[in-house]
């Protein structure tokens, strides 16, 4: 299985216990898929709590389930750049990041 195929397979899931945010960032980088890591902890240090990427005109958010760099992840997606598939409104910084990644606002 190619790295891109593995990413597509992971992206279809709503969560994963087999990968962390940092692991997903590495996979995306290996596949040449642009992504935008995000997240700061309460001390203002960059914490890689989530990363955003676009595959086949669908935006994906890979977010830690709890505050640990080795935490399993939830995977959310958006097709309209406004709300996730479960209806949660995207934050302003997430909308900006998806626009920068080429996801069209609908």
PDB file of N, CA and C in Angstrom:
ATOM      1  N   UNK A   1       0.843  -1.175   0.000  1.00  0.00           N
ATOM      2  CA  UNK A   1       0.000   0.000   0.000  1.00  0.00           C
ATOM      3  C   UNK A   1       0.895   1.248   0.000  1.00  0.00           C
ATOM      4  N   UNK A   2       0.594   2.189  -0.861  1.00  0.00           N
ATOM      5  CA  UNK A   2       1.372   3.421  -0.915  1.00  0.00           C
ATOM      6  C   UNK A   2       1.019   4.317   0.275  1.00  0.00           C
ATOM      7  N   UNK A   3       1.859   5.305   0.525  1.00  0.00           N
ATOM      8  CA  UNK A   3       1.610   6.243   1.610  1.00  0.00           C
ATOM      9  C   UNK A   3       0.318   7.023   1.373  1.00  0.00           C
ATOM     10  N   UNK A   4       0.074   7.440   0.137  1.00  0.00           N
ATOM     11  CA  UNK A   4      -1.154   8.173  -0.186  1.00  0.00           C
ATOM     12  C   UNK A   4      -2.374   7.285   0.056  1.00  0.00           C
ATOM     13  N   UNK A   5      -2.304   6.027  -0.337  1.00  0.00           N
ATOM     14  CA  UNK A   5      -3.415   5.103  -0.107  1.00  0.00           C
ATOM     15  C   UNK A   5      -3.660   4.903   1.387  1.00  0.00           C
ATOM     16  N   UNK A   6      -2.594   4.825   2.167  1.00  0.00           N
ATOM     17  CA  UNK A   6      -2.731   4.684   3.616  1.00  0.00           C
ATOM     18  C   UNK A   6      -3.407   5.914   4.221  1.00  0.00           C
ATOM     19  N   UNK A   7      -3.036   7.090   3.738  1.00  0.00           N
ATOM     20  CA  UNK A   7      -3.654   8.331   4.221  1.00  0.00           C
ATOM     21  C   UNK A   7      -5.142   8.353   3.871  1.00  0.00           C
ATOM     22  N   UNK A   8      -5.474   7.973   2.654  1.00  0.00           N
ATOM     23  CA  UNK A   8      -6.889   7.931   2.245  1.00  0.00           C
ATOM     24  C   UNK A   8      -7.669   6.953   3.114  1.00  0.00           C
ATOM     25  N   UNK A   9      -7.080   5.814   3.419  1.00  0.00           N
ATOM     26  CA  UNK A   9      -7.742   4.823   4.266  1.00  0.00           C
ATOM     27  C   UNK A   9      -7.939   5.361   5.679  1.00  0.00           C
ATOM     28  N   UNK A  10      -6.907   5.952   6.253  1.00  0.00           N
ATOM     29  CA  UNK A  10      -7.016   6.547   7.584  1.00  0.00           C
ATOM     30  C   UNK A  10      -8.060   7.662   7.610  1.00  0.00           C
ATOM     31  N   UNK A  11      -8.117   8.448   6.552  1.00  0.00           N
ATOM     32  CA  UNK A  11      -9.020   9.596   6.494  1.00  0.00           C
ATOM     33  C   UNK A  11     -10.489   9.179   6.505  1.00  0.00           C
ATOM     34  N   UNK A  12     -10.783   7.962   6.102  1.00  0.00           N
ATOM     35  CA  UNK A  12     -12.163   7.468   6.095  1.00  0.00           C
ATOM     36  C   UNK A  12     -12.658   7.119   7.498  1.00  0.00           C
ATOM     37  N   UNK A  13     -11.738   6.998   8.449  1.00  0.00           N
ATOM     38  CA  UNK A  13     -12.097   6.620   9.807  1.00  0.00           C
ATOM     39  C   UNK A  13     -12.498   7.849  10.617  1.00  0.00           C
ATOM     40  N   UNK A  14     -13.290   7.642  11.662  1.00  0.00           N
ATOM     41  CA  UNK A  14     -13.634   8.765  12.544  1.00  0.00           C
ATOM     42  C   UNK A  14     -12.635   8.900  13.684  1.00  0.00           C
ATOM     43  N   UNK A  15     -11.848   7.864  13.919  1.00  0.00           N
ATOM     44  CA  UNK A  15     -10.802   7.921  14.932  1.00  0.00           C
ATOM     45  C   UNK A  15      -9.772   6.840  14.628  1.00  0.00           C
ATOM     46  N   UNK A  16      -8.628   6.964  15.282  1.00  0.00           N
ATOM     47  CA  UNK A  16      -7.583   5.966  15.105  1.00  0.00           C
ATOM     48  C   UNK A  16      -6.764   5.859  16.378  1.00  0.00           C
ATOM     49  N   UNK A  17      -6.561   4.634  16.830  1.00  0.00           N
ATOM     50  CA  UNK A  17      -5.691   4.404  17.983  1.00  0.00           C
ATOM     51  C   UNK A  17      -4.288   4.029  17.543  1.00  0.00           C
ATOM     52  N   UNK A  18      -4.099   3.895  16.224  1.00  0.00           N
ATOM     53  CA  UNK A  18      -2.808   3.432  15.715  1.00  0.00           C
ATOM     54  C   UNK A  18      -1.896   4.559  15.244  1.00  0.00           C
ATOM     55  N   UNK A  19      -2.361   5.812  15.328  1.00  0.00           N
ATOM     56  CA  UNK A  19      -1.528   6.919  14.869  1.00  0.00           C
ATOM     57  C   UNK A  19      -1.727   8.132  15.775  1.00  0.00           C
ATOM     58  N   UNK A  20      -0.684   8.928  15.891  1.00  0.00           N
ATOM     59  CA  UNK A  20      -0.746  10.183  16.639  1.00  0.00           C
ATOM     60  C   UNK A  20      -0.769  11.337  15.639  1.00  0.00           C
ATOM     61  N   UNK A  21      -0.979  12.546  16.146  1.00  0.00           N
ATOM     62  CA  UNK A  21      -0.929  13.714  15.261  1.00  0.00           C
ATOM     63  C   UNK A  21       0.458  13.818  14.621  1.00  0.00           C
ATOM     64  N   UNK A  22       1.504  13.636  15.423  1.00  0.00           N
ATOM     65  CA  UNK A  22       2.863  13.719  14.862  1.00  0.00           C
ATOM     66  C   UNK A  22       3.104  12.626  13.825  1.00  0.00           C
ATOM     67  N   UNK A  23       2.576  11.434  14.056  1.00  0.00           N
ATOM     68  CA  UNK A  23       2.699  10.358  13.075  1.00  0.00           C
ATOM     69  C   UNK A  23       1.973  10.687  11.781  1.00  0.00           C
ATOM     70  N   UNK A  24       0.803  11.302  11.901  1.00  0.00           N
ATOM     71  CA  UNK A  24       0.047  11.685  10.704  1.00  0.00           C
ATOM     72  C   UNK A  24       0.786  12.777   9.940  1.00  0.00           C
ATOM     73  N   UNK A  25       1.343  13.732  10.645  1.00  0.00           N
ATOM     74  CA  UNK A  25       2.122  14.793   9.984  1.00  0.00           C
ATOM     75  C   UNK A  25       3.268  14.172   9.194  1.00  0.00           C
ATOM     76  N   UNK A  26       3.947  13.192   9.781  1.00  0.00           N
ATOM     77  CA  UNK A  26       5.056  12.522   9.090  1.00  0.00           C
ATOM     78  C   UNK A  26       4.560  11.796   7.842  1.00  0.00           C
ATOM     79  N   UNK A  27       3.435  11.082   7.950  1.00  0.00           N
ATOM     80  CA  UNK A  27       2.863  10.401   6.779  1.00  0.00           C
ATOM     81  C   UNK A  27       2.519  11.395   5.675  1.00  0.00           C
ATOM     82  N   UNK A  28       1.869  12.496   6.051  1.00  0.00           N
ATOM     83  CA  UNK A  28       1.488  13.515   5.070  1.00  0.00           C
ATOM     84  C   UNK A  28       2.721  14.095   4.383  1.00  0.00           C
ATOM     85  N   UNK A  29       3.746  14.396   5.174  1.00  0.00           N
ATOM     86  CA  UNK A  29       4.983  14.932   4.602  1.00  0.00           C
ATOM     87  C   UNK A  29       5.646  13.923   3.668  1.00  0.00           C
ATOM     88  N   UNK A  30       5.668  12.649   4.068  1.00  0.00           N
ATOM     89  CA  UNK A  30       6.255  11.597   3.223  1.00  0.00           C
ATOM     90  C   UNK A  30       5.520  11.464   1.896  1.00  0.00           C
ATOM     91  N   UNK A  31       4.194  11.695   1.927  1.00  0.00           N
ATOM     92  CA  UNK A  31       3.375  11.580   0.713  1.00  0.00           C
ATOM     93  C   UNK A  31       3.361  12.866  -0.103  1.00  0.00           C
ATOM     94  N   UNK A  32       3.973  13.929   0.422  1.00  0.00           N
ATOM     95  CA  UNK A  32       3.988  15.205  -0.283  1.00  0.00           C
ATOM     96  C   UNK A  32       2.652  15.941  -0.215  1.00  0.00           C
ATOM     97  N   UNK A  33       1.841  15.637   0.789  1.00  0.00           N
ATOM     98  CA  UNK A  33       0.546  16.305   0.966  1.00  0.00           C
ATOM     99  C   UNK A  33       0.724  17.461   1.939  1.00  0.00           C
ATOM    100  N   UNK A  34       0.396  18.661   1.455  1.00  0.00           N
ATOM    101  CA  UNK A  34       0.527  19.839   2.304  1.00  0.00           C
ATOM    102  C   UNK A  34      -0.397  19.701   3.504  1.00  0.00           C
ATOM    103  N   UNK A  35       0.114  20.103   4.671  1.00  0.00           N
ATOM    104  CA  UNK A  35      -0.693  20.097   5.880  1.00  0.00           C
ATOM    105  C   UNK A  35      -0.284  21.264   6.752  1.00  0.00           C
ATOM    106  N   UNK A  36      -1.181  21.661   7.627  1.00  0.00           N
ATOM    107  CA  UNK A  36      -0.904  22.774   8.528  1.00  0.00           C
ATOM    108  C   UNK A  36      -1.085  22.284   9.966  1.00  0.00           C
ATOM    109  N   UNK A  37       0.039  22.044  10.672  1.00  0.00           N
ATOM    110  CA  UNK A  37      -0.046  21.676  12.081  1.00  0.00           C
ATOM    111  C   UNK A  37      -0.533  22.873  12.897  1.00  0.00           C
ATOM    112  N   UNK A  38      -1.336  22.612  13.916  1.00  0.00           N
ATOM    113  CA  UNK A  38      -1.890  23.670  14.738  1.00  0.00           C
ATOM    114  C   UNK A  38      -1.909  23.232  16.192  1.00  0.00           C
ATOM    115  N   UNK A  39      -2.032  24.219  17.088  1.00  0.00           N
ATOM    116  CA  UNK A  39      -2.281  23.939  18.496  1.00  0.00           C
ATOM    117  C   UNK A  39      -1.199  24.428  19.417  1.00  0.00           C
ATOM    118  N   UNK A  40      -1.634  25.136  20.444  1.00  0.00           N
ATOM    119  CA  UNK A  40      -0.747  25.614  21.496  1.00  0.00           C
ATOM    120  C   UNK A  40      -1.257  25.102  22.830  1.00  0.00           C
ATOM    121  N   UNK A  41      -0.347  24.805  23.757  1.00  0.00           N
ATOM    122  CA  UNK A  41      -0.775  24.383  25.081  1.00  0.00           C
ATOM    123  C   UNK A  41      -1.027  25.606  25.958  1.00  0.00           C
ATOM    124  N   UNK A  42      -1.407  25.385  27.183  1.00  0.00           N
ATOM    125  CA  UNK A  42      -1.774  26.493  28.073  1.00  0.00           C
ATOM    126  C   UNK A  42      -0.590  27.386  28.432  1.00  0.00           C
ATOM    127  N   UNK A  43       0.639  26.964  28.177  1.00  0.00           N
ATOM    128  CA  UNK A  43       1.814  27.786  28.430  1.00  0.00           C
ATOM    129  C   UNK A  43       2.243  28.565  27.193  1.00  0.00           C
ATOM    130  N   UNK A  44       1.533  28.390  26.099  1.00  0.00           N
ATOM    131  CA  UNK A  44       1.861  29.108  24.870  1.00  0.00           C
ATOM    132  C   UNK A  44       2.887  28.413  23.996  1.00  0.00           C
ATOM    133  N   UNK A  45       3.231  27.184  24.333  1.00  0.00           N
ATOM    134  CA  UNK A  45       4.174  26.413  23.525  1.00  0.00           C
ATOM    135  C   UNK A  45       3.417  25.645  22.453  1.00  0.00           C
ATOM    136  N   UNK A  46       4.024  25.550  21.270  1.00  0.00           N
ATOM    137  CA  UNK A  46       3.380  24.820  20.180  1.00  0.00           C
ATOM    138  C   UNK A  46       3.302  23.348  20.562  1.00  0.00           C
ATOM    139  N   UNK A  47       2.111  22.746  20.448  1.00  0.00           N
ATOM    140  CA  UNK A  47       1.928  21.399  20.968  1.00  0.00           C
ATOM    141  C   UNK A  47       1.485  20.355  19.945  1.00  0.00           C
ATOM    142  N   UNK A  48       1.304  20.750  18.678  1.00  0.00           N
ATOM    143  CA  UNK A  48       0.874  19.795  17.654  1.00  0.00           C
ATOM    144  C   UNK A  48      -0.384  19.035  18.092  1.00  0.00           C
ATOM    145  N   UNK A  49      -1.399  19.759  18.529  1.00  0.00           N
ATOM    146  CA  UNK A  49      -2.623  19.096  18.968  1.00  0.00           C
ATOM    147  C   UNK A  49      -3.504  18.679  17.797  1.00  0.00           C
ATOM    148  N   UNK A  50      -3.260  19.256  16.623  1.00  0.00           N
ATOM    149  CA  UNK A  50      -4.015  18.853  15.442  1.00  0.00           C
ATOM    150  C   UNK A  50      -3.259  19.243  14.181  1.00  0.00           C
ATOM    151  N   UNK A  51      -3.632  18.622  13.076  1.00  0.00           N
ATOM    152  CA  UNK A  51      -3.124  19.029  11.772  1.00  0.00           C
ATOM    153  C   UNK A  51      -4.278  18.990  10.783  1.00  0.00           C
ATOM    154  N   UNK A  52      -4.238  19.891   9.819  1.00  0.00           N
ATOM    155  CA  UNK A  52      -5.282  19.991   8.800  1.00  0.00           C
ATOM    156  C   UNK A  52      -4.663  19.701   7.444  1.00  0.00           C
ATOM    157  N   UNK A  53      -5.406  18.998   6.592  1.00  0.00           N
ATOM    158  CA  UNK A  53      -4.938  18.698   5.239  1.00  0.00           C
ATOM    159  C   UNK A  53      -6.144  18.496   4.338  1.00  0.00           C
ATOM    160  N   UNK A  54      -5.896  18.514   3.037  1.00  0.00           N
ATOM    161  CA  UNK A  54      -6.956  18.339   2.043  1.00  0.00           C
ATOM    162  C   UNK A  54      -6.557  17.210   1.095  1.00  0.00           C
ATOM    163  N   UNK A  55      -7.491  16.281   0.887  1.00  0.00           N
ATOM    164  CA  UNK A  55      -7.314  15.193  -0.072  1.00  0.00           C
ATOM    165  C   UNK A  55      -8.604  15.085  -0.875  1.00  0.00           C
ATOM    166  N   UNK A  56      -8.472  15.148  -2.193  1.00  0.00           N
ATOM    167  CA  UNK A  56      -9.611  15.028  -3.101  1.00  0.00           C
ATOM    168  C   UNK A  56     -10.735  16.012  -2.744  1.00  0.00           C
ATOM    169  N   UNK A  57     -10.355  17.245  -2.480  1.00  0.00           N
ATOM    170  CA  UNK A  57     -11.260  18.361  -2.182  1.00  0.00           C
ATOM    171  C   UNK A  57     -12.131  18.142  -0.940  1.00  0.00           C
ATOM    172  N   UNK A  58     -11.627  17.368   0.006  1.00  0.00           N
ATOM    173  CA  UNK A  58     -12.249  17.213   1.319  1.00  0.00           C
ATOM    174  C   UNK A  58     -11.191  17.614   2.342  1.00  0.00           C
ATOM    175  N   UNK A  59     -11.582  18.495   3.264  1.00  0.00           N
ATOM    176  CA  UNK A  59     -10.669  18.922   4.311  1.00  0.00           C
ATOM    177  C   UNK A  59     -10.749  17.983   5.505  1.00  0.00           C
ATOM    178  N   UNK A  60      -9.610  17.652   6.072  1.00  0.00           N
ATOM    179  CA  UNK A  60      -9.553  16.744   7.216  1.00  0.00           C
ATOM    180  C   UNK A  60      -8.848  17.417   8.387  1.00  0.00           C
ATOM    181  N   UNK A  61      -9.364  17.132   9.585  1.00  0.00           N
ATOM    182  CA  UNK A  61      -8.754  17.595  10.828  1.00  0.00           C
ATOM    183  C   UNK A  61      -8.416  16.345  11.632  1.00  0.00           C
ATOM    184  N   UNK A  62      -7.145  16.168  11.927  1.00  0.00           N
ATOM    185  CA  UNK A  62      -6.700  15.082  12.791  1.00  0.00           C
ATOM    186  C   UNK A  62      -6.351  15.735  14.121  1.00  0.00           C
ATOM    187  N   UNK A  63      -7.140  15.411  15.148  1.00  0.00           N
ATOM    188  CA  UNK A  63      -7.035  16.092  16.444  1.00  0.00           C
ATOM    189  C   UNK A  63      -6.839  15.071  17.562  1.00  0.00           C
ATOM    190  N   UNK A  64      -5.927  15.400  18.486  1.00  0.00           N
ATOM    191  CA  UNK A  64      -5.703  14.519  19.641  1.00  0.00           C
ATOM    192  C   UNK A  64      -6.968  14.383  20.481  1.00  0.00           C
ATOM    193  N   UNK A  65      -7.177  13.199  21.029  1.00  0.00           N
ATOM    194  CA  UNK A  65      -8.328  12.972  21.898  1.00  0.00           C
ATOM    195  C   UNK A  65      -8.111  13.562  23.285  1.00  0.00           C
ATOM    196  N   UNK A  66      -6.866  13.621  23.735  1.00  0.00           N
ATOM    197  CA  UNK A  66      -6.547  14.250  25.024  1.00  0.00           C
ATOM    198  C   UNK A  66      -5.162  14.856  24.957  1.00  0.00           C
ATOM    199  N   UNK A  67      -4.805  15.601  25.951  1.00  0.00           N
ATOM    200  CA  UNK A  67      -3.591  16.413  25.928  1.00  0.00           C
ATOM    201  C   UNK A  67      -2.329  15.614  26.221  1.00  0.00           C
ATOM    202  N   UNK A  68      -1.913  14.849  25.247  1.00  0.00           N
ATOM    203  CA  UNK A  68      -0.671  14.093  25.326  1.00  0.00           C
ATOM    204  C   UNK A  68      -0.165  13.896  23.904  1.00  0.00           C
ATOM    205  N   UNK A  69       1.131  14.076  23.697  1.00  0.00           N
ATOM    206  CA  UNK A  69       1.651  13.950  22.337  1.00  0.00           C
ATOM    207  C   UNK A  69       1.493  12.543  21.781  1.00  0.00           C
ATOM    208  N   UNK A  70       1.302  11.551  22.645  1.00  0.00           N
ATOM    209  CA  UNK A  70       1.122  10.168  22.196  1.00  0.00           C
ATOM    210  C   UNK A  70      -0.345   9.744  22.183  1.00  0.00           C
ATOM    211  N   UNK A  71      -1.251  10.701  22.252  1.00  0.00           N
ATOM    212  CA  UNK A  71      -2.683  10.397  22.297  1.00  0.00           C
ATOM    213  C   UNK A  71      -3.193   9.892  20.951  1.00  0.00           C
ATOM    214  N   UNK A  72      -4.199   9.034  21.009  1.00  0.00           N
ATOM    215  CA  UNK A  72      -4.886   8.626  19.788  1.00  0.00           C
ATOM    216  C   UNK A  72      -5.659   9.829  19.247  1.00  0.00           C
ATOM    217  N   UNK A  73      -6.203   9.699  18.052  1.00  0.00           N
ATOM    218  CA  UNK A  73      -6.780  10.865  17.380  1.00  0.00           C
ATOM    219  C   UNK A  73      -8.218  10.636  16.920  1.00  0.00           C
ATOM    220  N   UNK A  74      -8.938  11.743  16.797  1.00  0.00           N
ATOM    221  CA  UNK A  74     -10.216  11.790  16.095  1.00  0.00           C
ATOM    222  C   UNK A  74      -9.945  12.395  14.731  1.00  0.00           C
ATOM    223  N   UNK A  75     -10.689  11.947  13.738  1.00  0.00           N
ATOM    224  CA  UNK A  75     -10.522  12.459  12.382  1.00  0.00           C
ATOM    225  C   UNK A  75     -11.866  13.011  11.922  1.00  0.00           C
ATOM    226  N   UNK A  76     -11.906  14.307  11.682  1.00  0.00           N
ATOM    227  CA  UNK A  76     -13.110  14.991  11.230  1.00  0.00           C
ATOM    228  C   UNK A  76     -12.908  15.435   9.796  1.00  0.00           C
ATOM    229  N   UNK A  77     -14.001  15.612   9.053  1.00  0.00           N
ATOM    230  CA  UNK A  77     -13.851  16.135   7.701  1.00  0.00           C
ATOM    231  C   UNK A  77     -14.878  17.215   7.418  1.00  0.00           C
ATOM    232  N   UNK A  78     -14.563  18.031   6.418  1.00  0.00           N
ATOM    233  CA  UNK A  78     -15.460  19.089   5.969  1.00  0.00           C
ATOM    234  C   UNK A  78     -15.397  19.172   4.456  1.00  0.00           C
ATOM    235  N   UNK A  79     -16.538  19.382   3.866  1.00  0.00           N
ATOM    236  CA  UNK A  79     -16.591  19.566   2.415  1.00  0.00           C
ATOM    237  C   UNK A  79     -16.895  21.016   2.062  1.00  0.00           C
ATOM    238  N   UNK A  80     -17.456  21.769   3.026  1.00  0.00           N
ATOM    239  CA  UNK A  80     -17.852  23.151   2.729  1.00  0.00           C
ATOM    240  C   UNK A  80     -16.957  24.201   3.367  1.00  0.00           C
ATOM    241  N   UNK A  81     -15.973  23.786   4.147  1.00  0.00           N
ATOM    242  CA  UNK A  81     -15.024  24.696   4.795  1.00  0.00           C
ATOM    243  C   UNK A  81     -15.712  25.548   5.870  1.00  0.00           C
ATOM    244  N   UNK A  82     -16.883  25.140   6.330  1.00  0.00           N
ATOM    245  CA  UNK A  82     -17.598  25.866   7.380  1.00  0.00           C
ATOM    246  C   UNK A  82     -17.920  24.979   8.580  1.00  0.00           C
ATOM    247  N   UNK A  83     -18.337  23.742   8.319  1.00  0.00           N
ATOM    248  CA  UNK A  83     -18.740  22.810   9.370  1.00  0.00           C
ATOM    249  C   UNK A  83     -18.157  21.428   9.093  1.00  0.00           C
ATOM    250  N   UNK A  84     -17.951  20.675  10.180  1.00  0.00           N
ATOM    251  CA  UNK A  84     -17.519  19.293  10.017  1.00  0.00           C
ATOM    252  C   UNK A  84     -18.716  18.452   9.613  1.00  0.00           C
ATOM    253  N   UNK A  85     -18.469  17.205   9.233  1.00  0.00           N
ATOM    254  CA  UNK A  85     -19.548  16.323   8.821  1.00  0.00           C
ATOM    255  C   UNK A  85     -20.553  16.067   9.941  1.00  0.00           C
ATOM    256  N   UNK A  86     -20.128  16.250  11.192  1.00  0.00           N
ATOM    257  CA  UNK A  86     -21.045  16.055  12.314  1.00  0.00           C
ATOM    258  C   UNK A  86     -21.742  17.359  12.724  1.00  0.00           C
ATOM    259  N   UNK A  87     -21.528  18.422  11.965  1.00  0.00           N
ATOM    260  CA  UNK A  87     -22.244  19.673  12.186  1.00  0.00           C
ATOM    261  C   UNK A  87     -21.544  20.703  13.049  1.00  0.00           C
ATOM    262  N   UNK A  88     -20.341  20.422  13.515  1.00  0.00           N
ATOM    263  CA  UNK A  88     -19.620  21.365  14.366  1.00  0.00           C
ATOM    264  C   UNK A  88     -19.017  22.488  13.518  1.00  0.00           C
ATOM    265  N   UNK A  89     -19.254  23.725  13.922  1.00  0.00           N
ATOM    266  CA  UNK A  89     -18.713  24.900  13.237  1.00  0.00           C
ATOM    267  C   UNK A  89     -17.189  24.910  13.338  1.00  0.00           C
ATOM    268  N   UNK A  90     -16.520  25.161  12.205  1.00  0.00           N
ATOM    269  CA  UNK A  90     -15.062  25.276  12.229  1.00  0.00           C
ATOM    270  C   UNK A  90     -14.668  26.600  12.866  1.00  0.00           C
ATOM    271  N   UNK A  91     -13.528  26.612  13.522  1.00  0.00           N
ATOM    272  CA  UNK A  91     -12.987  27.843  14.094  1.00  0.00           C
ATOM    273  C   UNK A  91     -12.417  28.708  12.973  1.00  0.00           C
ATOM    274  N   UNK A  92     -12.303  29.991  13.247  1.00  0.00           N
ATOM    275  CA  UNK A  92     -11.816  30.935  12.235  1.00  0.00           C
ATOM    276  C   UNK A  92     -10.432  30.550  11.722  1.00  0.00           C
ATOM    277  N   UNK A  93      -9.539  30.131  12.625  1.00  0.00           N
ATOM    278  CA  UNK A  93      -8.188  29.764  12.188  1.00  0.00           C
ATOM    279  C   UNK A  93      -8.197  28.489  11.340  1.00  0.00           C
ATOM    280  N   UNK A  94      -9.156  27.586  11.596  1.00  0.00           N
ATOM    281  CA  UNK A  94      -9.263  26.382  10.775  1.00  0.00           C
ATOM    282  C   UNK A  94      -9.764  26.720   9.373  1.00  0.00           C
ATOM    283  N   UNK A  95     -10.725  27.630   9.282  1.00  0.00           N
ATOM    284  CA  UNK A  95     -11.224  28.063   7.973  1.00  0.00           C
ATOM    285  C   UNK A  95     -10.101  28.699   7.165  1.00  0.00           C
ATOM    286  N   UNK A  96      -9.312  29.569   7.808  1.00  0.00           N
ATOM    287  CA  UNK A  96      -8.182  30.208   7.124  1.00  0.00           C
ATOM    288  C   UNK A  96      -7.170  29.167   6.653  1.00  0.00           C
ATOM    289  N   UNK A  97      -6.903  28.179   7.501  1.00  0.00           N
ATOM    290  CA  UNK A  97      -5.933  27.137   7.135  1.00  0.00           C
ATOM    291  C   UNK A  97      -6.436  26.321   5.945  1.00  0.00           C
ATOM    292  N   UNK A  98      -7.709  25.957   5.952  1.00  0.00           N
ATOM    293  CA  UNK A  98      -8.245  25.191   4.824  1.00  0.00           C
ATOM    294  C   UNK A  98      -8.218  26.005   3.538  1.00  0.00           C
ATOM    295  N   UNK A  99      -8.495  27.293   3.628  1.00  0.00           N
ATOM    296  CA  UNK A  99      -8.393  28.146   2.439  1.00  0.00           C
ATOM    297  C   UNK A  99      -6.962  28.158   1.911  1.00  0.00           C
ATOM    298  N   UNK A 100      -5.996  28.261   2.823  1.00  0.00           N
ATOM    299  CA  UNK A 100      -4.582  28.260   2.427  1.00  0.00           C
ATOM    300  C   UNK A 100      -4.188  26.925   1.781  1.00  0.00           C
ATOM    301  N   UNK A 101      -4.858  25.854   2.180  1.00  0.00           N
ATOM    302  CA  UNK A 101      -4.581  24.532   1.608  1.00  0.00           C
ATOM    303  C   UNK A 101      -5.343  24.288   0.312  1.00  0.00           C
ATOM    304  N   UNK A 102      -6.201  25.242  -0.077  1.00  0.00           N
ATOM    305  CA  UNK A 102      -6.890  25.137  -1.353  1.00  0.00           C
ATOM    306  C   UNK A 102      -8.311  24.618  -1.300  1.00  0.00           C
ATOM    307  N   UNK A 103      -8.873  24.440  -0.095  1.00  0.00           N
ATOM    308  CA  UNK A 103     -10.260  23.989   0.008  1.00  0.00           C
ATOM    309  C   UNK A 103     -11.174  25.191  -0.216  1.00  0.00           C
ATOM    310  N   UNK A 104     -12.072  25.070  -1.166  1.00  0.00           N
ATOM    311  CA  UNK A 104     -12.948  26.191  -1.540  1.00  0.00           C
ATOM    312  C   UNK A 104     -14.076  26.341  -0.532  1.00  0.00           C
ATOM    313  N   UNK A 105     -14.315  27.575  -0.117  1.00  0.00           N
ATOM    314  CA  UNK A 105     -15.437  27.913   0.753  1.00  0.00           C
ATOM    315  C   UNK A 105     -16.710  27.846  -0.069  1.00  0.00           C
ATOM    316  N   UNK A 106     -17.706  27.129   0.435  1.00  0.00           N
ATOM    317  CA  UNK A 106     -18.964  26.972  -0.325  1.00  0.00           C
ATOM    318  C   UNK A 106     -20.088  27.732   0.329  1.00  0.00           C
TER     319      UNK A 106
END
